[in-house]
Amino acid sequence: MIFFDVPSPCVGCCQVNNRGYCKGCYRSRDERFYWQQMTADQKIKVIKLCRQRYLRVMRHKQHKNNQESSIQSPQQQFIFDDIDKPKT
């Protein structure tokens, strides 16, 4: 049994991503719209869903960053690389 109201996960960044979820709290439009009418149990379920959505987005961003950093561009020799090297 829950004795206190569950606070809104809103962080004040009310923009929607390409999937329709808020970029700040990761709630859907309906979850944001009906928040005040939800029971505490429903709110907790929504917060758990938001956490899952957030983690999914972070994994996707990390995977994308890993792919970009693994692309190797040819290493160009810097013009002064060999100045300090002893000549053999």
N, C-alpha and C. Protein backbone atom coordinates (compact mmCIF):
# COMPACT_ATOMS: atom_id res chain seq x y z
N MET A 1 0.84 -1.18 0.00
CA MET A 1 0.00 0.00 0.00
C MET A 1 0.89 1.24 0.00
N ILE A 2 0.56 2.20 -0.83
CA ILE A 2 1.35 3.42 -0.97
C ILE A 2 0.61 4.55 -0.25
N PHE A 3 1.32 5.24 0.65
CA PHE A 3 0.70 6.28 1.45
C PHE A 3 0.87 7.68 0.87
N PHE A 4 1.88 7.87 0.03
CA PHE A 4 2.17 9.19 -0.52
C PHE A 4 1.98 9.18 -2.02
N ASP A 5 1.63 10.35 -2.55
CA ASP A 5 1.47 10.47 -4.00
C ASP A 5 2.83 10.35 -4.69
N VAL A 6 2.85 9.73 -5.83
CA VAL A 6 4.08 9.56 -6.61
C VAL A 6 4.31 10.85 -7.41
N PRO A 7 5.47 11.50 -7.22
CA PRO A 7 5.71 12.76 -7.94
C PRO A 7 5.92 12.52 -9.43
N SER A 8 5.60 13.52 -10.20
CA SER A 8 5.78 13.46 -11.65
C SER A 8 7.27 13.37 -11.99
N PRO A 9 7.63 12.57 -12.98
CA PRO A 9 9.03 12.49 -13.39
C PRO A 9 9.47 13.63 -14.31
N CYS A 10 8.59 14.60 -14.52
CA CYS A 10 8.88 15.71 -15.43
C CYS A 10 10.13 16.46 -14.97
N VAL A 11 11.02 16.75 -15.94
CA VAL A 11 12.24 17.51 -15.64
C VAL A 11 12.23 18.86 -16.35
N GLY A 12 11.10 19.21 -16.94
CA GLY A 12 10.95 20.51 -17.58
C GLY A 12 11.50 20.60 -18.99
N CYS A 13 11.83 19.48 -19.59
CA CYS A 13 12.32 19.45 -20.97
C CYS A 13 11.22 18.79 -21.81
N CYS A 14 10.22 19.56 -22.15
CA CYS A 14 9.03 19.02 -22.80
C CYS A 14 9.15 19.08 -24.32
N GLN A 15 9.93 18.15 -24.86
CA GLN A 15 10.08 17.99 -26.30
C GLN A 15 9.87 16.52 -26.61
N VAL A 16 9.31 16.25 -27.76
CA VAL A 16 8.99 14.87 -28.13
C VAL A 16 10.03 14.34 -29.10
N ASN A 17 10.46 13.09 -28.88
CA ASN A 17 11.40 12.46 -29.80
C ASN A 17 10.65 11.84 -30.98
N ASN A 18 11.38 11.19 -31.85
CA ASN A 18 10.76 10.63 -33.06
C ASN A 18 9.80 9.47 -32.78
N ARG A 19 9.80 8.93 -31.59
CA ARG A 19 8.89 7.85 -31.24
C ARG A 19 7.69 8.34 -30.43
N GLY A 20 7.63 9.64 -30.17
CA GLY A 20 6.49 10.20 -29.45
C GLY A 20 6.67 10.30 -27.95
N TYR A 21 7.86 9.99 -27.45
CA TYR A 21 8.12 10.08 -26.02
C TYR A 21 8.82 11.40 -25.69
N CYS A 22 8.54 11.92 -24.51
CA CYS A 22 9.17 13.16 -24.06
C CYS A 22 10.67 12.92 -23.92
N LYS A 23 11.47 13.86 -24.41
CA LYS A 23 12.93 13.74 -24.32
C LYS A 23 13.44 13.94 -22.90
N GLY A 24 12.63 14.52 -22.04
CA GLY A 24 13.04 14.77 -20.66
C GLY A 24 12.71 13.63 -19.73
N CYS A 25 11.45 13.18 -19.74
CA CYS A 25 11.03 12.16 -18.78
C CYS A 25 10.70 10.81 -19.43
N TYR A 26 10.63 10.77 -20.76
CA TYR A 26 10.38 9.54 -21.53
C TYR A 26 8.97 8.99 -21.36
N ARG A 27 8.01 9.87 -20.99
CA ARG A 27 6.62 9.45 -20.95
C ARG A 27 5.98 9.67 -22.31
N SER A 28 4.98 8.86 -22.62
CA SER A 28 4.20 9.05 -23.85
C SER A 28 3.25 10.23 -23.63
N ARG A 29 2.61 10.63 -24.70
CA ARG A 29 1.65 11.74 -24.62
C ARG A 29 0.53 11.40 -23.64
N ASP A 30 -0.03 10.21 -23.77
CA ASP A 30 -1.12 9.80 -22.87
C ASP A 30 -0.65 9.70 -21.42
N GLU A 31 0.55 9.20 -21.21
CA GLU A 31 1.07 9.10 -19.84
C GLU A 31 1.22 10.49 -19.22
N ARG A 32 1.63 11.46 -20.02
CA ARG A 32 1.75 12.83 -19.51
C ARG A 32 0.36 13.42 -19.28
N PHE A 33 -0.52 13.23 -20.23
CA PHE A 33 -1.85 13.83 -20.19
C PHE A 33 -2.68 13.30 -19.01
N TYR A 34 -2.62 12.00 -18.77
CA TYR A 34 -3.46 11.37 -17.75
C TYR A 34 -2.75 11.16 -16.41
N TRP A 35 -1.58 11.73 -16.22
CA TRP A 35 -0.80 11.52 -15.00
C TRP A 35 -1.62 11.79 -13.74
N GLN A 36 -2.34 12.89 -13.70
CA GLN A 36 -3.09 13.27 -12.50
C GLN A 36 -4.24 12.31 -12.19
N GLN A 37 -4.74 11.60 -13.19
CA GLN A 37 -5.84 10.67 -12.97
C GLN A 37 -5.36 9.25 -12.63
N MET A 38 -4.08 8.99 -12.75
CA MET A 38 -3.55 7.65 -12.50
C MET A 38 -3.46 7.35 -11.01
N THR A 39 -3.58 6.07 -10.70
CA THR A 39 -3.35 5.63 -9.32
C THR A 39 -1.85 5.61 -9.06
N ALA A 40 -1.47 5.50 -7.82
CA ALA A 40 -0.05 5.45 -7.47
C ALA A 40 0.62 4.24 -8.13
N ASP A 41 -0.05 3.10 -8.15
CA ASP A 41 0.51 1.91 -8.79
C ASP A 41 0.73 2.13 -10.28
N GLN A 42 -0.21 2.79 -10.93
CA GLN A 42 -0.07 3.09 -12.35
C GLN A 42 1.11 4.04 -12.59
N LYS A 43 1.25 5.03 -11.73
CA LYS A 43 2.36 5.98 -11.85
C LYS A 43 3.70 5.28 -11.69
N ILE A 44 3.79 4.37 -10.74
CA ILE A 44 5.04 3.63 -10.54
C ILE A 44 5.35 2.78 -11.78
N LYS A 45 4.32 2.16 -12.35
CA LYS A 45 4.52 1.37 -13.57
C LYS A 45 5.02 2.26 -14.71
N VAL A 46 4.46 3.46 -14.85
CA VAL A 46 4.89 4.39 -15.90
C VAL A 46 6.35 4.79 -15.67
N ILE A 47 6.73 5.05 -14.43
CA ILE A 47 8.11 5.43 -14.13
C ILE A 47 9.06 4.29 -14.49
N LYS A 48 8.68 3.07 -14.22
CA LYS A 48 9.51 1.92 -14.61
C LYS A 48 9.65 1.84 -16.13
N LEU A 49 8.55 2.08 -16.84
CA LEU A 49 8.60 2.08 -18.31
C LEU A 49 9.52 3.21 -18.81
N CYS A 50 9.44 4.36 -18.17
CA CYS A 50 10.29 5.49 -18.56
C CYS A 50 11.76 5.13 -18.38
N ARG A 51 12.07 4.47 -17.29
CA ARG A 51 13.46 4.05 -17.05
C ARG A 51 13.93 3.09 -18.13
N GLN A 52 13.09 2.15 -18.50
CA GLN A 52 13.44 1.21 -19.58
C GLN A 52 13.67 1.96 -20.89
N ARG A 53 12.82 2.91 -21.19
CA ARG A 53 12.97 3.70 -22.42
C ARG A 53 14.27 4.49 -22.39
N TYR A 54 14.56 5.10 -21.25
CA TYR A 54 15.79 5.87 -21.09
C TYR A 54 17.02 4.98 -21.31
N LEU A 55 17.04 3.83 -20.68
CA LEU A 55 18.18 2.91 -20.83
C LEU A 55 18.32 2.44 -22.27
N ARG A 56 17.21 2.20 -22.96
CA ARG A 56 17.25 1.80 -24.36
C ARG A 56 17.87 2.89 -25.22
N VAL A 57 17.49 4.14 -24.98
CA VAL A 57 18.05 5.27 -25.73
C VAL A 57 19.54 5.41 -25.45
N MET A 58 19.95 5.27 -24.18
CA MET A 58 21.36 5.40 -23.83
C MET A 58 22.19 4.27 -24.45
N ARG A 59 21.66 3.05 -24.46
CA ARG A 59 22.38 1.93 -25.10
C ARG A 59 22.53 2.20 -26.59
N HIS A 60 21.48 2.71 -27.21
CA HIS A 60 21.54 3.01 -28.65
C HIS A 60 22.59 4.09 -28.92
N LYS A 61 22.61 5.14 -28.10
CA LYS A 61 23.60 6.20 -28.29
C LYS A 61 25.02 5.67 -28.08
N GLN A 62 25.21 4.84 -27.07
CA GLN A 62 26.53 4.28 -26.81
C GLN A 62 26.97 3.38 -27.96
N HIS A 63 26.06 2.56 -28.46
CA HIS A 63 26.37 1.68 -29.59
C HIS A 63 26.75 2.50 -30.81
N LYS A 64 26.00 3.56 -31.06
CA LYS A 64 26.28 4.43 -32.20
C LYS A 64 27.65 5.09 -32.05
N ASN A 65 27.97 5.58 -30.85
CA ASN A 65 29.27 6.19 -30.60
C ASN A 65 30.41 5.19 -30.76
N ASN A 66 30.17 3.95 -30.31
CA ASN A 66 31.19 2.91 -30.46
C ASN A 66 31.45 2.59 -31.93
N GLN A 67 30.39 2.57 -32.72
CA GLN A 67 30.55 2.31 -34.15
C GLN A 67 31.31 3.44 -34.82
N GLU A 68 31.01 4.67 -34.46
CA GLU A 68 31.70 5.81 -35.07
C GLU A 68 33.17 5.85 -34.69
N SER A 69 33.49 5.50 -33.45
CA SER A 69 34.88 5.54 -33.03
C SER A 69 35.69 4.37 -33.57
N SER A 70 35.00 3.29 -33.97
CA SER A 70 35.73 2.13 -34.50
C SER A 70 36.09 2.30 -35.97
N ILE A 71 35.48 3.27 -36.63
CA ILE A 71 35.83 3.53 -38.03
C ILE A 71 37.19 4.21 -38.04
N GLN A 72 38.16 3.54 -38.58
CA GLN A 72 39.53 4.05 -38.58
C GLN A 72 39.80 4.84 -39.85
N SER A 73 40.20 6.06 -39.68
CA SER A 73 40.64 6.83 -40.83
C SER A 73 42.13 6.61 -40.98
N PRO A 74 42.66 6.66 -42.19
CA PRO A 74 44.09 6.45 -42.37
C PRO A 74 44.87 7.50 -41.57
N GLN A 75 45.88 7.03 -40.87
CA GLN A 75 46.70 7.92 -40.06
C GLN A 75 47.65 8.69 -40.97
N GLN A 76 47.46 9.98 -41.00
CA GLN A 76 48.33 10.82 -41.83
C GLN A 76 49.56 11.19 -41.01
N GLN A 77 50.71 11.09 -41.62
CA GLN A 77 51.93 11.45 -40.93
C GLN A 77 51.99 12.96 -40.80
N PHE A 78 52.26 13.40 -39.60
CA PHE A 78 52.38 14.82 -39.35
C PHE A 78 53.70 15.30 -39.92
N ILE A 79 53.73 16.49 -40.45
CA ILE A 79 54.89 16.99 -41.18
C ILE A 79 56.16 17.02 -40.32
N PHE A 80 56.02 17.20 -39.02
CA PHE A 80 57.20 17.30 -38.16
C PHE A 80 57.41 16.06 -37.29
N ASP A 81 56.77 14.94 -37.61
CA ASP A 81 56.88 13.74 -36.80
C ASP A 81 58.32 13.23 -36.69
N ASP A 82 59.08 13.34 -37.74
CA ASP A 82 60.40 12.71 -37.73
C ASP A 82 61.53 13.66 -37.35
N ILE A 83 61.26 14.87 -36.93
CA ILE A 83 62.32 15.81 -36.59
C ILE A 83 63.10 15.36 -35.36
N ASP A 84 62.39 14.89 -34.33
CA ASP A 84 63.06 14.51 -33.08
C ASP A 84 63.62 13.10 -33.12
N LYS A 85 63.33 12.35 -34.14
CA LYS A 85 63.82 10.98 -34.21
C LYS A 85 65.25 10.98 -34.72
N PRO A 86 66.12 10.17 -34.10
CA PRO A 86 67.50 10.09 -34.60
C PRO A 86 67.51 9.40 -35.96
N LYS A 87 68.37 9.89 -36.82
CA LYS A 87 68.47 9.31 -38.14
C LYS A 87 69.37 8.09 -38.08
N THR A 88 68.96 7.03 -38.76
CA THR A 88 69.78 5.81 -38.75
C THR A 88 70.43 5.58 -40.08
